[in-house]
N, C-alpha and C. Protein backbone atom coordinates (compact mmCIF):
# COMPACT_ATOMS: atom_id res chain seq x y z
N MET A 1 34.46 191.83 153.07
CA MET A 1 34.06 193.17 152.71
C MET A 1 34.39 193.37 151.23
N ILE A 2 33.52 194.09 150.55
CA ILE A 2 33.67 194.35 149.12
C ILE A 2 33.71 195.86 148.94
N VAL A 3 34.65 196.35 148.14
CA VAL A 3 34.83 197.78 147.97
C VAL A 3 34.71 198.15 146.49
N ASP A 4 34.11 199.32 146.24
CA ASP A 4 34.00 199.82 144.87
C ASP A 4 33.71 201.32 144.91
N ALA A 5 33.78 201.95 143.74
CA ALA A 5 33.52 203.39 143.62
C ALA A 5 32.54 203.63 142.47
N GLN A 6 31.81 204.72 142.56
CA GLN A 6 30.82 205.10 141.54
C GLN A 6 31.00 206.58 141.24
N SER A 7 31.16 206.90 139.98
CA SER A 7 31.24 208.31 139.57
C SER A 7 29.83 208.81 139.27
N VAL A 8 29.52 210.02 139.75
CA VAL A 8 28.18 210.59 139.61
C VAL A 8 28.31 212.00 139.04
N LYS A 9 27.47 212.32 138.08
CA LYS A 9 27.48 213.65 137.49
C LYS A 9 26.99 214.70 138.47
N ASN A 10 27.49 215.91 138.32
CA ASN A 10 27.08 217.05 139.14
C ASN A 10 26.05 217.89 138.41
N THR A 11 25.28 218.64 139.17
CA THR A 11 24.48 219.71 138.60
C THR A 11 25.33 220.97 138.61
N ASP A 12 24.85 222.03 138.03
CA ASP A 12 25.64 223.25 137.95
C ASP A 12 25.79 223.95 139.30
N SER A 13 24.99 223.58 140.30
CA SER A 13 25.06 224.24 141.61
C SER A 13 26.18 223.71 142.50
N ALA A 14 26.81 222.62 142.13
CA ALA A 14 27.84 222.01 142.98
C ALA A 14 29.11 222.85 142.98
N CYS A 15 29.68 223.02 144.16
CA CYS A 15 30.93 223.79 144.30
C CYS A 15 32.16 222.92 144.03
N GLU A 16 32.12 221.69 144.52
CA GLU A 16 33.29 220.83 144.44
C GLU A 16 33.05 219.75 143.39
N LYS A 17 33.91 219.73 142.37
CA LYS A 17 33.77 218.72 141.33
C LYS A 17 35.13 218.42 140.74
N GLY A 18 35.22 217.28 140.13
CA GLY A 18 36.43 216.84 139.46
C GLY A 18 36.04 216.09 138.21
N TYR A 19 37.02 215.64 137.45
CA TYR A 19 36.74 214.94 136.20
C TYR A 19 37.35 213.55 136.26
N ASP A 20 36.51 212.53 136.12
CA ASP A 20 36.96 211.14 136.06
C ASP A 20 37.18 210.80 134.58
N ALA A 21 38.43 210.78 134.17
CA ALA A 21 38.75 210.56 132.75
C ALA A 21 38.39 209.15 132.29
N GLY A 22 38.46 208.18 133.19
CA GLY A 22 38.13 206.81 132.81
C GLY A 22 36.68 206.63 132.43
N LYS A 23 35.79 207.30 133.15
CA LYS A 23 34.34 207.19 132.87
C LYS A 23 33.80 208.40 132.14
N LYS A 24 34.66 209.42 131.94
CA LYS A 24 34.27 210.66 131.26
C LYS A 24 33.10 211.34 131.97
N VAL A 25 33.24 211.48 133.29
CA VAL A 25 32.19 212.07 134.12
C VAL A 25 32.80 213.23 134.91
N SER A 26 32.13 214.37 134.86
CA SER A 26 32.51 215.51 135.67
C SER A 26 31.58 215.55 136.88
N GLY A 27 32.15 215.38 138.07
CA GLY A 27 31.29 215.38 139.25
C GLY A 27 32.01 214.87 140.47
N ILE A 28 31.35 213.93 141.18
CA ILE A 28 31.89 213.38 142.41
C ILE A 28 32.04 211.87 142.26
N LYS A 29 32.70 211.27 143.25
CA LYS A 29 32.85 209.83 143.27
C LYS A 29 32.47 209.33 144.66
N ARG A 30 31.63 208.30 144.70
CA ARG A 30 31.22 207.67 145.96
C ARG A 30 32.02 206.39 146.14
N HIS A 31 32.66 206.25 147.27
CA HIS A 31 33.45 205.06 147.59
C HIS A 31 32.74 204.36 148.74
N ILE A 32 32.38 203.08 148.54
CA ILE A 32 31.73 202.36 149.64
C ILE A 32 32.37 200.98 149.80
N ALA A 33 32.39 200.53 151.03
CA ALA A 33 32.81 199.18 151.38
C ALA A 33 31.62 198.54 152.07
N VAL A 34 31.15 197.43 151.52
CA VAL A 34 29.94 196.78 152.04
C VAL A 34 30.26 195.37 152.51
N ASP A 35 29.37 194.84 153.35
CA ASP A 35 29.51 193.45 153.78
C ASP A 35 28.86 192.54 152.75
N THR A 36 28.74 191.27 153.04
CA THR A 36 28.20 190.32 152.07
C THR A 36 26.71 190.49 151.82
N GLN A 37 26.02 191.26 152.68
CA GLN A 37 24.61 191.53 152.46
C GLN A 37 24.38 192.85 151.73
N GLY A 38 25.44 193.59 151.48
CA GLY A 38 25.32 194.86 150.77
C GLY A 38 25.14 196.07 151.66
N LEU A 39 25.29 195.90 152.96
CA LEU A 39 25.13 197.02 153.89
C LEU A 39 26.48 197.71 154.09
N PRO A 40 26.48 199.03 154.09
CA PRO A 40 27.75 199.76 154.12
C PRO A 40 28.43 199.75 155.49
N HIS A 41 29.75 199.67 155.45
CA HIS A 41 30.56 199.78 156.66
C HIS A 41 31.54 200.93 156.59
N ALA A 42 31.84 201.39 155.38
CA ALA A 42 32.73 202.54 155.21
C ALA A 42 32.28 203.27 153.94
N ILE A 43 32.12 204.58 154.06
CA ILE A 43 31.68 205.41 152.93
C ILE A 43 32.54 206.67 152.90
N ALA A 44 32.89 207.09 151.69
CA ALA A 44 33.58 208.36 151.50
C ALA A 44 33.07 208.98 150.20
N VAL A 45 32.99 210.29 150.17
CA VAL A 45 32.61 211.03 148.96
C VAL A 45 33.75 211.98 148.64
N THR A 46 34.24 211.90 147.40
CA THR A 46 35.34 212.76 146.96
C THR A 46 34.99 213.36 145.61
N THR A 47 35.83 214.27 145.14
CA THR A 47 35.67 214.74 143.77
C THR A 47 36.03 213.59 142.83
N ALA A 48 35.55 213.63 141.60
CA ALA A 48 35.70 212.51 140.69
C ALA A 48 37.14 212.26 140.25
N ASP A 49 38.02 213.23 140.43
CA ASP A 49 39.40 213.04 140.00
C ASP A 49 40.25 212.23 140.99
N VAL A 50 39.71 211.90 142.15
CA VAL A 50 40.41 211.08 143.13
C VAL A 50 40.34 209.62 142.68
N THR A 51 41.47 208.92 142.75
CA THR A 51 41.49 207.52 142.30
C THR A 51 40.68 206.64 143.25
N ASP A 52 40.29 205.48 142.74
CA ASP A 52 39.53 204.52 143.54
C ASP A 52 40.32 204.10 144.78
N ARG A 53 41.62 203.88 144.61
CA ARG A 53 42.46 203.44 145.73
C ARG A 53 42.51 204.49 146.84
N LYS A 54 42.74 205.76 146.47
CA LYS A 54 42.81 206.82 147.48
C LYS A 54 41.47 207.01 148.19
N GLY A 55 40.38 206.92 147.43
CA GLY A 55 39.05 207.07 148.03
C GLY A 55 38.72 205.93 148.98
N ALA A 56 39.10 204.71 148.61
CA ALA A 56 38.84 203.56 149.49
C ALA A 56 39.65 203.69 150.78
N LEU A 57 40.89 204.13 150.66
CA LEU A 57 41.70 204.32 151.86
C LEU A 57 41.12 205.42 152.76
N LEU A 58 40.58 206.47 152.15
CA LEU A 58 39.92 207.52 152.92
C LEU A 58 38.72 206.97 153.68
N ALA A 59 37.92 206.13 153.00
CA ALA A 59 36.76 205.52 153.66
C ALA A 59 37.21 204.60 154.79
N PHE A 60 38.28 203.84 154.57
CA PHE A 60 38.78 202.95 155.62
C PHE A 60 39.33 203.74 156.80
N LYS A 61 40.00 204.85 156.54
CA LYS A 61 40.54 205.68 157.63
C LYS A 61 39.43 206.24 158.49
N ARG A 62 38.32 206.66 157.84
CA ARG A 62 37.20 207.25 158.59
C ARG A 62 36.57 206.23 159.53
N CYS A 63 36.59 204.95 159.16
CA CYS A 63 35.87 203.93 159.93
C CYS A 63 36.80 202.82 160.43
N ALA A 64 38.09 203.08 160.55
CA ALA A 64 39.07 202.04 160.88
C ALA A 64 38.75 201.32 162.19
N SER A 65 38.25 202.04 163.18
CA SER A 65 38.00 201.41 164.48
C SER A 65 36.88 200.38 164.40
N HIS A 66 35.98 200.52 163.45
CA HIS A 66 34.86 199.58 163.31
C HIS A 66 35.18 198.42 162.38
N LEU A 67 36.32 198.47 161.70
CA LEU A 67 36.64 197.47 160.69
C LEU A 67 37.74 196.51 161.13
N ARG A 68 38.06 196.46 162.39
CA ARG A 68 39.15 195.61 162.87
C ARG A 68 38.88 194.11 162.71
N ASP A 69 37.62 193.70 162.62
CA ASP A 69 37.29 192.28 162.48
C ASP A 69 37.30 191.81 161.02
N VAL A 70 37.46 192.73 160.08
CA VAL A 70 37.46 192.38 158.66
C VAL A 70 38.75 191.63 158.34
N GLN A 71 38.62 190.50 157.64
CA GLN A 71 39.79 189.70 157.28
C GLN A 71 40.18 189.84 155.82
N ASN A 72 39.17 189.98 154.94
CA ASN A 72 39.43 190.07 153.50
C ASN A 72 38.67 191.24 152.90
N VAL A 73 39.30 191.91 151.95
CA VAL A 73 38.65 192.97 151.17
C VAL A 73 38.69 192.53 149.72
N LEU A 74 37.52 192.37 149.11
CA LEU A 74 37.42 191.97 147.71
C LEU A 74 37.25 193.23 146.87
N ALA A 75 38.07 193.37 145.83
CA ALA A 75 38.03 194.57 145.00
C ALA A 75 38.21 194.18 143.54
N ASP A 76 37.95 195.15 142.65
CA ASP A 76 38.15 194.90 141.23
C ASP A 76 39.54 195.36 140.80
N GLY A 77 39.79 195.36 139.50
CA GLY A 77 41.11 195.69 138.97
C GLY A 77 41.56 197.11 139.24
N GLY A 78 40.68 198.00 139.61
CA GLY A 78 41.05 199.38 139.90
C GLY A 78 41.81 199.54 141.20
N TYR A 79 41.89 198.48 141.98
CA TYR A 79 42.54 198.54 143.29
C TYR A 79 43.83 197.71 143.33
N VAL A 80 44.37 197.36 142.17
CA VAL A 80 45.58 196.54 142.09
C VAL A 80 46.78 197.34 142.58
N GLY A 81 47.67 196.68 143.26
CA GLY A 81 48.92 197.31 143.66
C GLY A 81 49.31 196.97 145.08
N LYS A 82 50.61 196.79 145.28
CA LYS A 82 51.13 196.49 146.62
C LYS A 82 50.99 197.67 147.58
N PRO A 83 51.14 198.93 147.12
CA PRO A 83 50.96 200.03 148.08
C PRO A 83 49.54 200.06 148.68
N PHE A 84 48.52 199.80 147.84
CA PHE A 84 47.15 199.78 148.34
C PHE A 84 46.95 198.63 149.31
N ALA A 85 47.41 197.44 148.93
CA ALA A 85 47.25 196.26 149.80
C ALA A 85 47.98 196.48 151.13
N GLY A 86 49.17 197.08 151.08
CA GLY A 86 49.91 197.35 152.31
C GLY A 86 49.21 198.36 153.19
N ALA A 87 48.63 199.39 152.58
CA ALA A 87 47.92 200.40 153.35
C ALA A 87 46.67 199.83 154.01
N VAL A 88 45.95 198.95 153.30
CA VAL A 88 44.76 198.31 153.87
C VAL A 88 45.17 197.41 155.03
N LYS A 89 46.26 196.68 154.84
CA LYS A 89 46.76 195.80 155.91
C LYS A 89 47.13 196.61 157.15
N GLU A 90 47.74 197.76 156.94
CA GLU A 90 48.14 198.62 158.05
C GLU A 90 46.94 199.26 158.74
N LEU A 91 45.96 199.71 157.94
CA LEU A 91 44.80 200.41 158.51
C LEU A 91 43.85 199.50 159.26
N ILE A 92 43.44 198.40 158.59
CA ILE A 92 42.41 197.56 159.20
C ILE A 92 42.84 196.11 159.39
N GLY A 93 44.04 195.76 158.95
CA GLY A 93 44.55 194.40 159.15
C GLY A 93 43.92 193.36 158.25
N ALA A 94 43.48 193.75 157.06
CA ALA A 94 42.82 192.82 156.15
C ALA A 94 43.67 192.59 154.91
N GLU A 95 43.49 191.44 154.30
CA GLU A 95 44.15 191.10 153.04
C GLU A 95 43.26 191.56 151.88
N VAL A 96 43.87 192.04 150.82
CA VAL A 96 43.13 192.48 149.63
C VAL A 96 43.15 191.37 148.60
N GLN A 97 41.96 191.02 148.10
CA GLN A 97 41.83 190.04 147.02
C GLN A 97 41.25 190.76 145.82
N ILE A 98 41.90 190.60 144.67
CA ILE A 98 41.45 191.24 143.44
C ILE A 98 40.65 190.23 142.62
N ALA A 99 39.41 190.59 142.28
CA ALA A 99 38.57 189.74 141.43
C ALA A 99 38.96 190.01 139.98
N LYS A 100 39.56 189.02 139.34
CA LYS A 100 40.06 189.18 137.97
C LYS A 100 38.94 188.95 136.97
N ARG A 101 39.00 189.73 135.89
CA ARG A 101 38.09 189.49 134.77
C ARG A 101 38.57 188.28 134.00
N SER A 102 37.66 187.67 133.25
CA SER A 102 38.07 186.54 132.43
C SER A 102 38.92 187.05 131.27
N GLU A 103 39.73 186.20 130.74
CA GLU A 103 40.60 186.58 129.63
C GLU A 103 39.78 186.90 128.38
N LEU A 104 38.66 186.23 128.22
CA LEU A 104 37.77 186.53 127.10
C LEU A 104 37.04 187.82 127.41
N HIS A 105 36.82 188.65 126.45
CA HIS A 105 36.15 189.92 126.68
C HIS A 105 34.64 189.76 126.52
N THR A 106 34.08 188.84 127.28
CA THR A 106 32.64 188.62 127.29
C THR A 106 32.11 188.95 128.67
N PHE A 107 30.81 189.20 128.75
CA PHE A 107 30.21 189.53 130.03
C PHE A 107 30.16 188.29 130.90
N ALA A 108 30.57 188.44 132.14
CA ALA A 108 30.45 187.38 133.13
C ALA A 108 30.29 188.04 134.49
N VAL A 109 29.41 187.49 135.30
CA VAL A 109 29.23 188.02 136.65
C VAL A 109 30.45 187.62 137.48
N MET A 110 31.11 188.61 138.06
CA MET A 110 32.29 188.34 138.86
C MET A 110 31.84 187.92 140.25
N PRO A 111 32.51 186.94 140.84
CA PRO A 111 32.07 186.41 142.13
C PRO A 111 31.97 187.49 143.21
N GLN A 112 30.82 187.60 143.83
CA GLN A 112 30.54 188.50 144.93
C GLN A 112 30.67 189.99 144.60
N ARG A 113 31.09 190.36 143.41
CA ARG A 113 31.21 191.78 143.05
C ARG A 113 29.84 192.40 142.83
N TRP A 114 28.85 191.61 142.51
CA TRP A 114 27.52 192.15 142.27
C TRP A 114 26.91 192.71 143.54
N VAL A 115 27.39 192.31 144.70
CA VAL A 115 26.82 192.78 145.97
C VAL A 115 26.99 194.29 146.11
N VAL A 116 28.18 194.80 145.82
CA VAL A 116 28.42 196.24 145.95
C VAL A 116 27.69 197.00 144.84
N GLU A 117 27.57 196.39 143.67
CA GLU A 117 26.81 197.04 142.58
C GLU A 117 25.33 197.15 142.96
N ARG A 118 24.82 196.15 143.65
CA ARG A 118 23.44 196.20 144.12
C ARG A 118 23.25 197.33 145.13
N SER A 119 24.26 197.55 145.97
CA SER A 119 24.19 198.64 146.95
C SER A 119 24.13 199.99 146.24
N PHE A 120 24.91 200.15 145.17
CA PHE A 120 24.83 201.38 144.39
C PHE A 120 23.45 201.52 143.74
N ALA A 121 22.86 200.43 143.32
CA ALA A 121 21.51 200.47 142.73
C ALA A 121 20.48 200.90 143.77
N TRP A 122 20.66 200.48 145.01
CA TRP A 122 19.76 200.92 146.08
C TRP A 122 19.85 202.43 146.25
N LEU A 123 21.05 202.98 146.15
CA LEU A 123 21.21 204.43 146.26
C LEU A 123 20.54 205.14 145.10
N GLU A 124 20.62 204.56 143.91
CA GLU A 124 20.03 205.18 142.73
C GLU A 124 18.50 205.26 142.83
N LYS A 125 17.90 204.43 143.65
CA LYS A 125 16.44 204.48 143.82
C LYS A 125 16.01 205.76 144.54
N CYS A 126 16.92 206.36 145.28
CA CYS A 126 16.63 207.64 145.94
C CYS A 126 16.77 208.74 144.91
N ARG A 127 15.71 209.42 144.65
CA ARG A 127 15.68 210.42 143.57
C ARG A 127 16.75 211.49 143.74
N ARG A 128 17.03 211.86 144.96
CA ARG A 128 18.00 212.91 145.21
C ARG A 128 19.43 212.47 144.91
N LEU A 129 19.68 211.16 144.86
CA LEU A 129 21.04 210.66 144.69
C LEU A 129 21.38 210.20 143.28
N TRP A 130 20.44 210.23 142.35
CA TRP A 130 20.78 209.76 141.01
C TRP A 130 21.75 210.70 140.32
N LYS A 131 21.77 211.95 140.79
CA LYS A 131 22.72 212.95 140.32
C LYS A 131 23.11 213.78 141.53
N ASN A 132 24.33 214.29 141.57
CA ASN A 132 24.76 215.07 142.73
C ASN A 132 24.23 216.49 142.62
N CYS A 133 23.30 216.84 143.49
CA CYS A 133 22.69 218.17 143.50
C CYS A 133 23.25 219.04 144.62
N GLU A 134 24.14 218.50 145.43
CA GLU A 134 24.59 219.19 146.62
C GLU A 134 25.81 220.07 146.33
N ARG A 135 25.92 221.16 147.08
CA ARG A 135 27.05 222.07 146.91
C ARG A 135 28.31 221.53 147.57
N LYS A 136 28.18 220.87 148.70
CA LYS A 136 29.33 220.39 149.47
C LYS A 136 29.37 218.86 149.48
N LEU A 137 30.59 218.31 149.56
CA LEU A 137 30.77 216.85 149.58
C LEU A 137 30.19 216.24 150.84
N ASN A 138 30.31 216.93 151.97
CA ASN A 138 29.79 216.39 153.23
C ASN A 138 28.27 216.23 153.18
N THR A 139 27.59 217.14 152.50
CA THR A 139 26.13 217.02 152.37
C THR A 139 25.77 215.78 151.56
N SER A 140 26.53 215.52 150.50
CA SER A 140 26.30 214.31 149.71
C SER A 140 26.51 213.06 150.56
N LEU A 141 27.55 213.07 151.38
CA LEU A 141 27.83 211.94 152.27
C LEU A 141 26.68 211.71 153.23
N GLN A 142 26.15 212.78 153.80
CA GLN A 142 25.04 212.64 154.75
C GLN A 142 23.77 212.10 154.09
N PHE A 143 23.52 212.49 152.84
CA PHE A 143 22.36 211.95 152.13
C PHE A 143 22.53 210.47 151.81
N ILE A 144 23.76 210.03 151.58
CA ILE A 144 24.00 208.60 151.37
C ILE A 144 23.73 207.84 152.67
N HIS A 145 24.21 208.37 153.79
CA HIS A 145 23.91 207.75 155.08
C HIS A 145 22.40 207.70 155.32
N LEU A 146 21.71 208.76 155.01
CA LEU A 146 20.26 208.81 155.19
C LEU A 146 19.56 207.78 154.31
N ALA A 147 20.01 207.62 153.07
CA ALA A 147 19.40 206.65 152.16
C ALA A 147 19.56 205.22 152.68
N PHE A 148 20.74 204.89 153.19
CA PHE A 148 20.94 203.55 153.75
C PHE A 148 20.15 203.37 155.04
N LEU A 149 20.00 204.43 155.82
CA LEU A 149 19.20 204.35 157.03
C LEU A 149 17.73 204.08 156.70
N VAL A 150 17.22 204.74 155.70
CA VAL A 150 15.84 204.50 155.26
C VAL A 150 15.67 203.07 154.79
N LEU A 151 16.67 202.57 154.06
CA LEU A 151 16.63 201.18 153.59
C LEU A 151 16.56 200.20 154.77
N LEU A 152 17.38 200.43 155.78
CA LEU A 152 17.38 199.56 156.94
C LEU A 152 16.07 199.64 157.71
N LEU A 153 15.51 200.84 157.83
CA LEU A 153 14.24 201.00 158.55
C LEU A 153 13.09 200.31 157.82
N LYS A 154 13.11 200.33 156.50
CA LYS A 154 12.07 199.66 155.73
C LYS A 154 12.16 198.14 155.88
N ARG A 155 13.37 197.63 156.08
CA ARG A 155 13.56 196.19 156.23
C ARG A 155 13.12 195.67 157.60
N SER A 156 13.15 196.51 158.61
CA SER A 156 12.83 196.02 159.96
C SER A 156 11.35 196.09 160.26
């Protein structure tokens, strides 16, 4: 399983918003955990000020009963830390592996990390999801579920 988060700007109609200082985005954050094919197994939507680690744990808590067979969680540097790894081990019984960047500051595709980025790109194809237009976080979450459902229906 591969986990990542995406910060998305809000429109002025949104009630719940936060500020992600790392990306300089005022809005919401989408946390998803996908399998090796890019299909989601755990999703959470929070305000942008929630850290990647807390959002991933929230997504894992929501879907813990379905994630018991997961053995490894691949994440980027935003998920480093023994407290996060211990919480993931406790929630779903999986080991956390951190995909390290190369020491050189050049672009390189990180192993298997592109899968979750591709899943975010699939969401961006839905016009309603390129920016958060919803007033409530739960509505945004339901539109993400709907977008992935449409993707699956088109594939079958």
